Amino acid sequence: MKNKEIHNPINSTIKPTSTGSANTSTVKRLSFAICMAVAVAGSAFAGTDVKTFKDKVVVEPTCYFRDTEFQLDAFGAGAFSNQARSAFGGGIGANFFFARYFGIGVEQDLMGRSGSPALWSTLGSLYLRYPICAWNLAPYMMVGGGTTYANNLKGHGEGHVGAGLEYRFTPHIGLFTDGRYVYSSVEPKGAALVRTGLRFAF
């Protein structure tokens, strides 16, 4: 009687299927594609500044004082001296700023005091100003000279040095006040001249 071989399923060799190998290959390819996409995106943003909502954009205030401008002045004035009675009057002027900090000007003043003839003054000045745009203010200094004369008097020379302050309501309208020391070739030798008026800028 022949012995029959008994087939043991446990000892049988289980061959792997091709389906598992295909899935592994697909996962590897997908992982490689994701890594490449991340690398490309990283290199694209490497040289770019990314702004967040916390970043604040600073807006510089508009400056009412232009680098180049023409001005017209209308003012009242008073002259005060220990050697003579005070005189009051006014005048008009024209200024030109060829740069933000530097300008030139000319003015015509008419002053008078009780019992004396009116005095006319034609004066020129060099201006040095420093605009403070955030406050619409411009402190300035001046130096200059000119001639003062009257109907029955010969003209005489004078010089002056002083300082002032201008405030701009708009880029075209301002209020200014200044004071200067005036030294003259005739009596009174020295006086303080104060002006206050409106300035129109173009």
Protein backbone atom coordinates (compact mmCIF):
# COMPACT_ATOMS: atom_id res chain seq x y z
CA MET A 1 0.00 0.00 0.00
CA LYS A 2 1.49 3.20 -1.12
CA ASN A 3 1.89 6.07 1.21
CA LYS A 4 -0.01 9.20 0.05
CA GLU A 5 1.60 12.49 0.50
CA ILE A 6 -0.43 14.76 2.62
CA HIS A 7 -0.47 18.34 1.41
CA ASN A 8 0.04 20.73 4.26
CA PRO A 9 -1.32 24.20 3.37
CA ILE A 10 0.68 25.78 6.17
CA ASN A 11 3.96 24.84 4.58
CA SER A 12 2.92 26.08 1.21
CA THR A 13 4.84 29.09 -0.11
CA ILE A 14 2.69 32.15 -0.51
CA LYS A 15 3.67 34.17 -3.49
CA PRO A 16 3.24 37.98 -3.23
CA THR A 17 0.75 39.49 -5.56
CA SER A 18 1.61 42.22 -8.04
CA THR A 19 -1.09 44.53 -6.61
CA GLY A 20 0.90 45.31 -3.42
CA SER A 21 4.02 46.22 -5.40
CA ALA A 22 2.04 48.62 -7.61
CA ASN A 23 0.56 50.43 -4.61
CA THR A 24 4.03 50.90 -3.05
CA SER A 25 5.37 52.37 -6.27
CA THR A 26 2.46 54.81 -6.51
CA VAL A 27 3.00 56.07 -2.94
CA LYS A 28 6.71 56.67 -3.63
CA ARG A 29 5.95 58.64 -6.75
CA LEU A 30 3.33 60.75 -5.00
CA SER A 31 5.70 61.51 -2.12
CA PHE A 32 8.43 62.55 -4.55
CA ALA A 33 6.02 64.87 -6.41
CA ILE A 34 4.94 66.55 -3.15
CA CYS A 35 8.55 67.11 -2.09
CA MET A 36 9.38 68.68 -5.46
CA ALA A 37 6.36 71.01 -5.26
CA VAL A 38 7.35 72.17 -1.77
CA ALA A 39 10.93 72.81 -2.91
CA VAL A 40 9.80 74.87 -5.92
CA ALA A 41 7.38 76.91 -3.82
CA GLY A 42 10.06 77.58 -1.21
CA SER A 43 12.53 78.85 -3.79
CA ALA A 44 9.86 81.09 -5.35
CA PHE A 45 9.14 82.87 -2.03
CA ALA A 46 12.75 82.98 -0.87
CA GLY A 47 13.41 86.48 -2.30
CA THR A 48 9.94 87.93 -1.65
CA ASP A 49 9.03 90.02 1.39
CA VAL A 50 5.75 88.76 2.72
CA LYS A 51 3.69 91.49 4.40
CA THR A 52 1.32 90.70 7.20
CA PHE A 53 -1.66 92.60 8.49
CA LYS A 54 0.53 93.92 11.32
CA ASP A 55 2.71 95.89 8.88
CA LYS A 56 1.83 99.60 9.01
CA VAL A 57 2.17 101.89 6.00
CA VAL A 58 3.56 105.25 7.15
CA VAL A 59 2.12 108.13 5.13
CA GLU A 60 4.22 111.30 5.18
CA PRO A 61 2.22 114.48 5.87
CA THR A 62 1.69 116.85 2.98
CA CYS A 63 4.08 119.79 3.24
CA TYR A 64 2.44 123.19 2.73
CA PHE A 65 5.84 124.78 2.03
CA ARG A 66 7.00 124.05 -1.49
CA ASP A 67 10.59 123.90 -2.66
CA THR A 68 9.94 126.71 -5.13
CA GLU A 69 7.22 129.29 -4.52
CA PHE A 70 6.27 132.93 -5.03
CA GLN A 71 4.69 134.88 -2.15
CA LEU A 72 2.72 138.11 -1.72
CA ASP A 73 2.54 139.80 1.70
CA ALA A 74 0.12 142.33 3.18
CA PHE A 75 0.91 143.45 6.72
CA GLY A 76 0.60 145.98 9.48
CA ALA A 77 3.74 147.26 11.20
CA GLY A 78 5.00 149.22 14.16
CA ALA A 79 8.40 150.82 14.82
CA PHE A 80 9.59 151.38 18.40
CA SER A 81 12.63 153.31 19.61
CA ASN A 82 13.87 154.93 22.81
CA GLN A 83 15.06 157.92 20.79
CA ALA A 84 11.76 158.80 19.08
CA ARG A 85 8.02 158.31 19.29
CA SER A 86 6.58 155.05 18.05
CA ALA A 87 5.43 154.91 14.44
CA PHE A 88 2.73 152.72 12.93
CA GLY A 89 1.71 151.77 9.43
CA GLY A 90 1.86 148.83 7.06
CA GLY A 91 3.01 147.68 3.70
CA ILE A 92 3.13 145.06 0.98
CA GLY A 93 5.86 142.71 -0.12
CA ALA A 94 6.84 140.03 -2.60
CA ASN A 95 9.11 137.06 -1.93
CA PHE A 96 10.54 134.29 -4.05
CA PHE A 97 11.91 131.03 -2.62
CA PHE A 98 14.20 129.36 -5.14
CA ALA A 99 14.72 126.48 -2.69
CA ARG A 100 12.83 125.17 0.31
CA TYR A 101 15.21 126.87 2.74
CA PHE A 102 16.36 129.99 0.88
CA GLY A 103 14.53 132.97 -0.56
CA ILE A 104 14.71 136.67 -1.35
CA GLY A 105 12.15 139.41 -0.84
CA VAL A 106 11.35 143.08 -1.35
CA GLU A 107 8.84 145.21 0.55
CA GLN A 108 7.42 148.72 0.56
CA ASP A 109 6.57 150.12 4.01
CA LEU A 110 4.65 153.28 4.91
CA MET A 111 5.08 154.43 8.51
CA GLY A 112 3.99 157.59 10.33
CA ARG A 113 3.86 159.20 13.74
CA SER A 114 1.83 162.11 15.04
CA GLY A 115 3.23 165.51 14.01
CA SER A 116 5.82 164.08 11.60
CA PRO A 117 5.77 163.40 7.86
CA ALA A 118 5.13 159.87 6.67
CA LEU A 119 8.18 157.73 5.98
CA TRP A 120 8.48 155.42 3.01
CA SER A 121 10.89 152.48 3.13
CA THR A 122 11.96 150.26 0.25
CA LEU A 123 13.71 147.22 1.69
CA GLY A 124 15.20 143.99 0.45
CA SER A 125 15.86 140.83 2.48
CA LEU A 126 17.51 137.44 2.26
CA TYR A 127 15.46 134.72 3.99
CA LEU A 128 16.56 131.49 5.62
CA ARG A 129 13.64 129.32 6.74
CA TYR A 130 13.16 125.82 8.14
CA PRO A 131 9.69 124.35 7.41
CA ILE A 132 8.21 121.95 9.98
CA CYS A 133 5.71 120.22 7.72
CA ALA A 134 3.95 118.20 10.44
CA TRP A 135 2.93 121.45 12.20
CA ASN A 136 2.53 123.68 9.11
CA LEU A 137 5.08 126.04 10.67
CA ALA A 138 8.20 127.69 9.28
CA PRO A 139 10.52 129.68 11.53
CA TYR A 140 12.80 131.95 9.54
CA MET A 141 15.60 134.49 9.76
CA MET A 142 16.21 137.55 7.63
CA VAL A 143 18.97 140.01 6.86
CA GLY A 144 18.86 142.96 4.49
CA GLY A 145 18.67 146.69 4.02
CA GLY A 146 17.28 149.52 1.94
CA THR A 147 16.35 153.17 1.87
CA THR A 148 13.89 155.27 3.91
CA TYR A 149 12.70 158.67 2.69
CA ALA A 150 9.95 161.26 3.18
CA ASN A 151 8.34 163.99 1.07
CA ASN A 152 10.60 166.73 2.39
CA LEU A 153 13.61 164.65 3.42
CA LYS A 154 16.42 163.03 1.53
CA GLY A 155 16.56 159.27 1.62
CA HIS A 156 18.93 157.57 4.02
CA GLY A 157 20.24 154.04 4.15
CA GLU A 158 19.45 151.44 6.76
CA GLY A 159 20.04 147.77 7.45
CA HIS A 160 18.20 145.14 9.45
CA VAL A 161 18.43 141.66 10.91
CA GLY A 162 15.60 139.68 12.46
CA ALA A 163 13.53 136.51 12.74
CA GLY A 164 9.93 135.41 12.38
CA LEU A 165 7.40 132.60 12.24
CA GLU A 166 4.86 131.64 9.59
CA TYR A 167 1.84 129.34 9.96
CA ARG A 168 0.08 127.93 6.88
CA PHE A 169 -3.67 127.34 6.99
CA THR A 170 -3.50 125.90 3.47
CA PRO A 171 -0.68 125.49 0.92
CA HIS A 172 -1.61 128.98 -0.36
CA ILE A 173 -2.61 131.06 2.69
CA GLY A 174 -0.55 131.75 5.79
CA LEU A 175 -0.21 134.07 8.76
CA PHE A 176 3.21 135.49 9.65
CA THR A 177 4.77 137.69 12.27
CA ASP A 178 8.37 138.84 12.57
CA GLY A 179 10.58 141.33 14.31
CA ARG A 180 13.82 142.98 13.26
CA TYR A 181 16.36 145.41 14.55
CA VAL A 182 16.80 148.34 12.16
CA TYR A 183 19.98 150.41 12.27
CA SER A 184 19.93 153.72 10.40
CA SER A 185 22.44 156.31 9.19
CA VAL A 186 20.38 159.13 10.79
CA GLU A 187 18.54 159.64 14.05
CA PRO A 188 17.10 157.53 15.48
CA LYS A 189 20.06 155.25 14.92
CA GLY A 190 18.25 152.10 16.00
CA ALA A 191 14.67 150.86 16.22
CA ALA A 192 12.64 147.67 16.49
CA LEU A 193 10.24 146.96 13.63
CA VAL A 194 7.45 144.43 14.12
CA ARG A 195 5.23 143.11 11.30
CA THR A 196 2.11 140.91 11.31
CA GLY A 197 0.12 140.01 8.23
CA LEU A 198 -1.16 137.54 5.67
CA ARG A 199 0.98 135.67 3.17
CA PHE A 200 -0.31 134.25 -0.11
CA ALA A 201 1.87 131.57 -1.71
CA PHE A 202 1.74 130.37 -5.31
